[in-house]
Amino acid sequence: MDERELLIIQTIGEEVRDIVAEIKSQFSRDVKQLVDDAVKAAVAEIPAPIVPELPNVEQLVTDAVKSAVAEMPTPVLPDLPDFSQLVGDAVKAAVAEIPLPVVPELPDVQQLVSDAVQVAVGEIPAPIVPELPSVEQLVADAVKSAMAERPTPAAPIDGRDALQIELEPCIDPQKSYPRGTYATHNGGIWRSHEKTHGMRGWECIVDGVAGVNIKQDEERLFTITLEKASGLIEEKSFAIPVTIYRDVFKAGNEYDPGDTVTWAGSLWHCNEKTADKPGEPGSKGWTLAVKKGRDLRDKP
């Protein structure tokens, strides 16, 4: 067998193989279609299943719960103690164990004010009485001045002794006094240097004390006002370190001597102006006045 024959046989074999493959594929499709048709026909002939009527599940559960609850025994509640009485007894026992606070003895504020006023008044300098010129000379000068002011000389009149100069008991602003009149006013001695109109024309030659006024400016601060006859006002202020409770200590606040605060359960007294915390190391402004009592503990 030559090469040409082999080529023909090979070609014929390939065609036969393709034909067989096509036939096989067609056969498979036909078989599958037959099987599908048979299955469909068989399924169509199966009768529909009969679903039994189910009971109401919700009603069954409700009945079961009611039955179970009905069979449960009634709980027996134990007798509880009177909590109100227990709390009342505990509070009374706790209060009975609290130690009584020790109240520091406070100074006599009235006596402190009286002493301070006496010291302040004692520091007021005594009024300096100016040296008065000779009354006789003053009268002579006044007479000369009055005579010089007169346009026409008048007949001379009898003079008077310096001891006969009258001192008016007060100055009436509604009256007009002649030049050279002496009078007392607001605790001082005044002289008219010209014919007066109200208080114009008067001068204070001996200053005196017209009035003293004491006013409380703050809780501890007092001011004494001294009014002199000439109208000059002198004021002096002083503070009394009386004890004042300032509630619980607050950081950042500045406290003055005499202030008391509560801190860490104790009462502290301020000795000097400070913003330090009571009891901290290096703080010199506070003194422990009343120490904290024992903590309340429950009885076993």
Protein backbone atom coordinates (compact mmCIF):
# COMPACT_ATOMS: atom_id res chain seq x y z
CA MET A 1 0.00 0.00 0.00
CA ASP A 2 1.48 3.25 -1.13
CA GLU A 3 1.38 6.66 0.43
CA ARG A 4 -1.54 7.85 -1.71
CA GLU A 5 -3.76 5.04 -0.53
CA LEU A 6 -2.83 5.76 3.10
CA LEU A 7 -3.80 9.41 2.65
CA ILE A 8 -7.17 8.42 1.12
CA ILE A 9 -7.86 5.98 3.98
CA GLN A 10 -6.94 8.66 6.56
CA THR A 11 -9.23 11.22 4.93
CA ILE A 12 -12.11 8.73 4.78
CA GLY A 13 -11.52 7.86 8.48
CA GLU A 14 -11.74 11.50 9.56
CA GLU A 15 -15.03 12.00 7.69
CA VAL A 16 -16.44 8.80 9.20
CA ARG A 17 -15.40 9.95 12.68
CA ASP A 18 -17.16 13.34 12.22
CA ILE A 19 -20.31 11.60 10.98
CA VAL A 20 -20.29 9.22 13.97
CA ALA A 21 -19.79 12.13 16.40
CA GLU A 22 -22.73 14.02 14.87
CA ILE A 23 -24.93 10.94 15.07
CA LYS A 24 -23.90 10.41 18.69
CA SER A 25 -24.71 14.02 19.59
CA GLN A 26 -28.09 13.87 17.87
CA PHE A 27 -28.86 10.59 19.65
CA SER A 28 -28.01 12.13 23.01
CA ARG A 29 -30.34 15.06 22.37
CA ASP A 30 -33.14 12.76 21.31
CA VAL A 31 -32.69 10.55 24.38
CA LYS A 32 -32.65 13.59 26.68
CA GLN A 33 -35.85 14.92 25.08
CA LEU A 34 -37.55 11.56 25.49
CA VAL A 35 -36.51 11.38 29.15
CA ASP A 36 -37.74 14.94 29.83
CA ASP A 37 -41.08 14.20 28.14
CA ALA A 38 -41.49 10.99 30.15
CA VAL A 39 -40.65 12.76 33.43
CA LYS A 40 -43.13 15.54 32.70
CA ALA A 41 -45.85 13.04 31.90
CA ALA A 42 -45.13 11.08 35.06
CA VAL A 43 -45.15 14.20 37.22
CA ALA A 44 -48.44 15.33 35.63
CA GLU A 45 -50.05 12.01 36.59
CA ILE A 46 -48.99 12.31 40.31
CA PRO A 47 -52.10 13.29 42.40
CA ALA A 48 -51.90 16.54 44.50
CA PRO A 49 -51.03 15.84 48.18
CA ILE A 50 -53.79 16.25 50.75
CA VAL A 51 -52.67 18.79 53.43
CA PRO A 52 -54.30 18.02 56.80
CA GLU A 53 -55.99 20.92 58.64
CA LEU A 54 -53.61 22.05 61.42
CA PRO A 55 -54.87 23.32 64.79
CA ASN A 56 -54.41 27.01 65.94
CA VAL A 57 -50.82 27.00 67.24
CA GLU A 58 -51.26 30.38 69.04
CA GLN A 59 -54.32 29.09 70.91
CA LEU A 60 -52.45 25.91 71.85
CA VAL A 61 -49.54 27.91 73.28
CA THR A 62 -51.91 30.23 75.18
CA ASP A 63 -53.79 27.30 76.71
CA ALA A 64 -50.53 25.59 77.67
CA VAL A 65 -49.20 28.75 79.36
CA LYS A 66 -52.47 29.28 81.27
CA SER A 67 -52.43 25.67 82.42
CA ALA A 68 -48.78 25.91 83.56
CA VAL A 69 -49.40 29.19 85.40
CA ALA A 70 -52.47 27.75 87.09
CA GLU A 71 -50.43 24.80 88.38
CA MET A 72 -47.70 27.07 89.88
CA PRO A 73 -47.95 27.35 93.70
CA THR A 74 -48.68 30.82 95.15
CA PRO A 75 -45.39 32.37 96.38
CA VAL A 76 -45.17 32.93 100.12
CA LEU A 77 -43.86 36.44 100.86
CA PRO A 78 -41.66 36.64 103.98
CA ASP A 79 -42.41 39.26 106.63
CA LEU A 80 -40.11 42.20 105.95
CA PRO A 81 -38.84 44.43 108.77
CA ASP A 82 -39.95 48.06 109.08
CA PHE A 83 -37.30 49.82 106.97
CA SER A 84 -38.48 53.24 108.14
CA GLN A 85 -37.91 52.24 111.77
CA LEU A 86 -34.51 50.69 110.91
CA VAL A 87 -33.35 53.87 109.13
CA GLY A 88 -34.65 56.06 111.97
CA ASP A 89 -32.80 54.00 114.59
CA ALA A 90 -29.58 54.08 112.53
CA VAL A 91 -29.80 57.86 112.09
CA LYS A 92 -30.44 58.39 115.81
CA ALA A 93 -27.47 56.18 116.73
CA ALA A 94 -25.22 58.00 114.24
CA VAL A 95 -26.28 61.43 115.48
CA ALA A 96 -25.74 60.34 119.08
CA GLU A 97 -22.11 59.43 118.27
CA ILE A 98 -21.30 62.79 116.63
CA PRO A 99 -19.22 64.82 119.12
CA LEU A 100 -20.52 68.25 119.99
CA PRO A 101 -18.62 71.05 118.15
CA VAL A 102 -16.32 73.13 120.28
CA VAL A 103 -17.28 76.76 119.73
CA PRO A 104 -14.27 79.05 120.28
CA GLU A 105 -14.76 81.84 122.73
CA LEU A 106 -15.24 85.02 120.73
CA PRO A 107 -13.86 88.36 121.94
CA ASP A 108 -16.15 91.14 123.09
CA VAL A 109 -16.77 93.01 119.84
CA GLN A 110 -18.19 96.04 121.66
CA GLN A 111 -15.07 96.28 123.84
CA LEU A 112 -12.81 95.86 120.76
CA VAL A 113 -14.64 98.68 118.97
CA SER A 114 -14.48 100.87 122.09
CA ASP A 115 -10.73 100.26 122.50
CA ALA A 116 -10.08 100.89 118.82
CA VAL A 117 -12.05 104.13 118.93
CA GLN A 118 -10.14 105.28 122.02
CA VAL A 119 -6.80 104.46 120.33
CA ALA A 120 -7.85 106.22 117.12
CA VAL A 121 -9.07 109.29 119.02
CA GLY A 122 -5.85 109.27 121.06
CA GLU A 123 -3.85 109.44 117.81
CA ILE A 124 -5.68 112.56 116.64
CA PRO A 125 -3.25 115.45 117.10
CA ALA A 126 -4.34 118.20 119.45
CA PRO A 127 -5.43 121.35 117.60
CA ILE A 128 -2.68 123.92 117.33
CA VAL A 129 -3.97 127.20 118.69
CA PRO A 130 -2.27 130.02 116.82
CA GLU A 131 -0.75 132.76 118.86
CA LEU A 132 -3.28 135.56 118.92
CA PRO A 133 -2.09 139.10 118.39
CA SER A 134 -2.65 141.68 121.06
CA VAL A 135 -6.35 142.35 121.35
CA GLU A 136 -5.56 145.97 122.16
CA GLN A 137 -3.52 146.25 118.99
CA LEU A 138 -6.28 144.59 116.98
CA VAL A 139 -8.81 147.03 118.34
CA ALA A 140 -6.48 149.93 117.61
CA ASP A 141 -5.93 148.70 114.05
CA ALA A 142 -9.62 148.15 113.58
CA VAL A 143 -10.36 151.65 114.83
CA LYS A 144 -7.72 153.16 112.57
CA SER A 145 -9.04 151.25 109.57
CA ALA A 146 -12.60 152.23 110.36
CA MET A 147 -11.61 155.85 110.81
CA ALA A 148 -9.69 155.82 107.55
CA GLU A 149 -12.72 154.50 105.70
CA ARG A 150 -14.99 157.23 106.98
CA PRO A 151 -15.34 160.04 104.45
CA THR A 152 -15.97 162.62 107.13
CA PRO A 153 -14.32 162.42 110.50
CA ALA A 154 -16.82 162.07 113.27
CA ALA A 155 -16.60 163.14 116.85
CA PRO A 156 -14.49 160.75 118.85
CA ILE A 157 -16.20 158.29 121.11
CA ASP A 158 -15.01 156.66 124.27
CA GLY A 159 -13.04 153.44 123.61
CA ARG A 160 -13.24 150.27 125.61
CA ASP A 161 -10.78 147.93 127.29
CA ALA A 162 -9.70 144.72 125.56
CA LEU A 163 -11.37 142.70 128.32
CA GLN A 164 -14.64 144.31 127.40
CA ILE A 165 -14.64 142.80 123.88
CA GLU A 166 -17.81 140.80 123.54
CA LEU A 167 -17.63 137.28 122.07
CA GLU A 168 -20.80 136.36 120.25
CA PRO A 169 -22.07 132.91 121.34
CA CYS A 170 -22.78 131.91 117.73
CA ILE A 171 -22.95 133.21 114.17
CA ASP A 172 -26.39 133.77 112.72
CA PRO A 173 -26.06 133.53 108.91
CA GLN A 174 -29.21 135.63 108.57
CA LYS A 175 -27.57 138.59 110.30
CA SER A 176 -24.85 140.97 109.13
CA TYR A 177 -22.04 141.68 111.61
CA PRO A 178 -19.68 144.69 111.55
CA ARG A 179 -15.97 144.35 110.97
CA GLY A 180 -14.00 143.22 114.05
CA THR A 181 -16.75 141.09 115.57
CA TYR A 182 -15.66 137.95 117.45
CA ALA A 183 -17.90 134.89 117.76
CA THR A 184 -17.81 131.15 118.49
CA HIS A 185 -18.85 128.84 115.67
CA ASN A 186 -18.53 125.04 115.18
CA GLY A 187 -16.26 124.76 118.22
CA GLY A 188 -13.82 127.48 117.04
CA ILE A 189 -13.36 131.24 117.38
CA TRP A 190 -14.13 133.43 114.35
CA ARG A 191 -13.44 137.09 113.56
CA SER A 192 -15.07 139.26 110.92
CA HIS A 193 -12.52 141.03 108.73
CA GLU A 194 -15.20 143.00 106.94
CA LYS A 195 -18.91 143.59 107.14
CA THR A 196 -20.40 140.12 106.88
CA HIS A 197 -23.09 138.73 104.62
CA GLY A 198 -23.99 135.24 105.80
CA MET A 199 -20.62 133.52 106.33
CA ARG A 200 -18.78 135.77 103.90
CA GLY A 201 -16.42 138.06 105.74
CA TRP A 202 -15.64 135.63 108.61
CA GLU A 203 -12.30 133.90 109.24
CA CYS A 204 -11.48 131.13 111.73
CA ILE A 205 -8.69 132.29 114.03
CA VAL A 206 -8.90 129.43 116.57
CA ASP A 207 -9.69 126.05 114.99
CA GLY A 208 -11.71 123.55 117.05
CA VAL A 209 -13.55 120.26 116.70
CA ALA A 210 -17.01 120.69 115.21
CA GLY A 211 -18.01 117.01 115.17
CA VAL A 212 -16.84 113.39 115.23
CA ASN A 213 -18.46 110.68 113.11
CA ILE A 214 -17.74 106.93 113.20
CA LYS A 215 -18.89 104.90 110.17
CA GLN A 216 -18.65 101.16 109.50
CA ASP A 217 -17.45 100.77 105.90
CA GLU A 218 -17.09 96.98 105.78
CA GLU A 219 -17.56 94.01 108.11
CA ARG A 220 -14.38 94.87 110.02
CA LEU A 221 -13.43 98.32 108.68
CA PHE A 222 -14.42 101.51 110.53
CA THR A 223 -13.71 105.14 109.62
CA ILE A 224 -13.55 108.03 112.09
CA THR A 225 -14.23 111.43 110.54
CA LEU A 226 -13.11 114.54 112.46
CA GLU A 227 -14.68 117.78 111.25
CA LYS A 228 -12.95 120.95 112.43
CA ALA A 229 -14.42 124.39 112.93
CA SER A 230 -12.65 125.72 109.83
CA GLY A 231 -14.29 123.01 107.67
CA LEU A 232 -11.18 120.85 107.43
CA ILE A 233 -12.05 117.12 107.39
CA GLU A 234 -9.67 114.48 108.76
CA GLU A 235 -10.38 110.76 108.37
CA LYS A 236 -8.73 107.72 109.92
CA SER A 237 -9.68 104.10 109.25
CA PHE A 238 -9.01 101.00 111.33
CA ALA A 239 -9.94 97.30 111.10
CA ILE A 240 -10.97 94.94 113.91
CA PRO A 241 -10.05 91.25 113.39
CA VAL A 242 -13.38 89.85 114.64
CA THR A 243 -14.20 86.22 113.82
CA ILE A 244 -16.40 85.78 110.70
CA TYR A 245 -17.32 82.36 109.28
CA ARG A 246 -16.66 82.21 105.49
CA ASP A 247 -18.18 78.78 104.74
CA VAL A 248 -16.11 76.01 103.12
CA PHE A 249 -12.61 77.02 101.94
CA LYS A 250 -12.48 77.93 98.22
CA ALA A 251 -9.19 77.88 96.32
CA GLY A 252 -8.33 81.25 94.79
CA ASN A 253 -10.07 83.32 97.46
CA GLU A 254 -8.01 85.61 99.71
CA TYR A 255 -8.85 85.52 103.42
CA ASP A 256 -8.29 88.19 106.07
CA PRO A 257 -7.27 87.82 109.73
CA GLY A 258 -10.25 86.66 111.79
CA ASP A 259 -11.89 84.65 108.97
CA THR A 260 -12.83 81.04 109.77
CA VAL A 261 -13.47 78.30 107.20
CA THR A 262 -14.32 74.62 107.14
CA TRP A 263 -11.79 72.35 105.41
CA ALA A 264 -11.29 68.57 105.56
CA GLY A 265 -13.96 68.35 108.28
CA SER A 266 -12.14 70.79 110.61
CA LEU A 267 -12.58 74.48 111.47
CA TRP A 268 -9.60 76.76 110.67
CA HIS A 269 -8.87 80.33 111.85
CA CYS A 270 -7.03 82.84 109.63
CA ASN A 271 -4.17 84.66 111.39
CA GLU A 272 -2.88 86.80 108.50
CA LYS A 273 -3.97 87.68 104.96
CA THR A 274 -3.48 84.54 102.88
CA ALA A 275 -4.75 82.52 99.92
CA ASP A 276 -3.05 79.27 100.99
CA LYS A 277 -4.97 76.08 101.66
CA PRO A 278 -5.42 75.27 105.37
CA GLY A 279 -3.12 72.54 106.64
CA GLU A 280 -0.87 72.34 103.57
CA PRO A 281 2.91 72.30 104.15
CA GLY A 282 4.41 75.78 104.43
CA SER A 283 1.09 77.52 105.09
CA LYS A 284 1.44 80.02 107.96
CA GLY A 285 -1.86 81.84 107.63
CA TRP A 286 -4.13 79.25 109.27
CA THR A 287 -4.54 77.76 112.75
CA LEU A 288 -6.61 74.65 113.49
CA ALA A 289 -9.50 75.79 115.71
CA VAL A 290 -11.78 72.73 115.87
CA LYS A 291 -10.40 69.31 114.88
CA LYS A 292 -12.44 66.88 112.79
CA GLY A 293 -14.39 64.31 114.84
CA ARG A 294 -14.44 60.56 114.40
CA ASP A 295 -16.02 59.18 111.20
CA LEU A 296 -19.41 57.49 111.61
CA ARG A 297 -19.17 53.71 111.38
CA ASP A 298 -21.95 51.11 111.23
CA LYS A 299 -22.31 48.95 114.30
CA PRO A 300 -21.68 45.20 113.71
